[in-house]
Protein backbone atom coordinates (compact mmCIF):
# COMPACT_ATOMS: atom_id res chain seq x y z
CA MET A 1 -0.34 -0.47 0.48
CA PRO A 2 2.45 2.39 0.67
CA SER A 3 3.79 2.19 -3.00
CA LEU A 4 0.66 2.96 -4.32
CA ALA A 5 1.03 6.34 -2.22
CA VAL A 6 4.37 7.29 -3.50
CA GLY A 7 3.54 6.27 -7.14
CA ALA A 8 0.52 8.42 -6.78
CA ARG A 9 2.36 11.53 -5.49
CA ARG A 10 4.93 11.40 -7.73
CA LEU A 11 2.66 11.10 -10.42
CA HIS A 12 0.73 14.21 -9.34
CA ASP A 13 4.32 16.26 -9.25
CA CYS A 14 4.38 15.71 -13.12
CA GLY A 15 0.78 16.82 -13.65
CA ARG A 16 -1.36 13.30 -13.83
CA SER A 17 -3.42 11.83 -12.12
CA GLY A 18 -2.79 8.91 -9.94
CA TRP A 19 -5.66 6.42 -11.70
CA TRP A 20 -2.64 6.30 -14.16
CA GLN A 21 -0.70 3.35 -11.60
CA LEU A 22 -3.63 1.07 -13.52
CA LEU A 23 -1.33 1.35 -16.74
CA ILE A 24 0.86 -0.92 -14.48
CA LEU A 25 -1.02 -3.80 -15.64
CA THR A 26 0.14 -4.00 -19.02
CA VAL A 27 3.90 -3.94 -20.14
CA ILE A 28 3.73 -0.84 -22.23
CA GLY A 29 2.20 0.24 -19.36
CA ILE A 30 4.85 -0.58 -16.75
CA ILE A 31 7.67 1.42 -19.23
CA LEU A 32 5.60 4.60 -19.41
CA LEU A 33 5.52 4.51 -15.72
CA LEU A 34 8.71 4.23 -15.25
CA ILE A 35 9.88 7.02 -17.30
CA TRP A 36 6.89 9.21 -15.44
CA TRP A 37 8.53 8.54 -12.22
CA ALA A 38 12.31 8.76 -12.97
CA THR A 39 10.83 12.25 -14.45
CA GLU A 40 11.90 15.26 -12.46
CA GLY A 41 8.65 16.74 -10.78
CA SER A 42 7.21 20.69 -10.68
CA SER A 43 8.41 22.43 -7.55
CA GLU A 44 5.08 24.90 -8.03
CA GLU A 45 2.02 24.10 -7.17
CA ASN A 46 -0.75 22.03 -9.11
CA GLU A 47 -4.08 20.89 -8.57
CA TYR A 48 -3.41 18.21 -6.55
CA GLY A 49 -1.46 20.20 -3.87
CA THR A 50 1.72 21.63 -3.26
CA GLY A 51 5.17 20.54 -4.88
CA LEU A 52 7.83 19.11 -4.29
CA ASP A 53 8.81 20.57 -0.77
């Protein structure tokens, strides 16, 4: 469960919804999620709250 929360937080930092984690059920989705999780997040506020503190 904690890994789902961390994954959702990383996606929110990149401006995407946590629901994108459902892509992990597909092979191509795993690659896409790894790329998104590895990108640097925004330090600005987004629709999900404040960015990196």
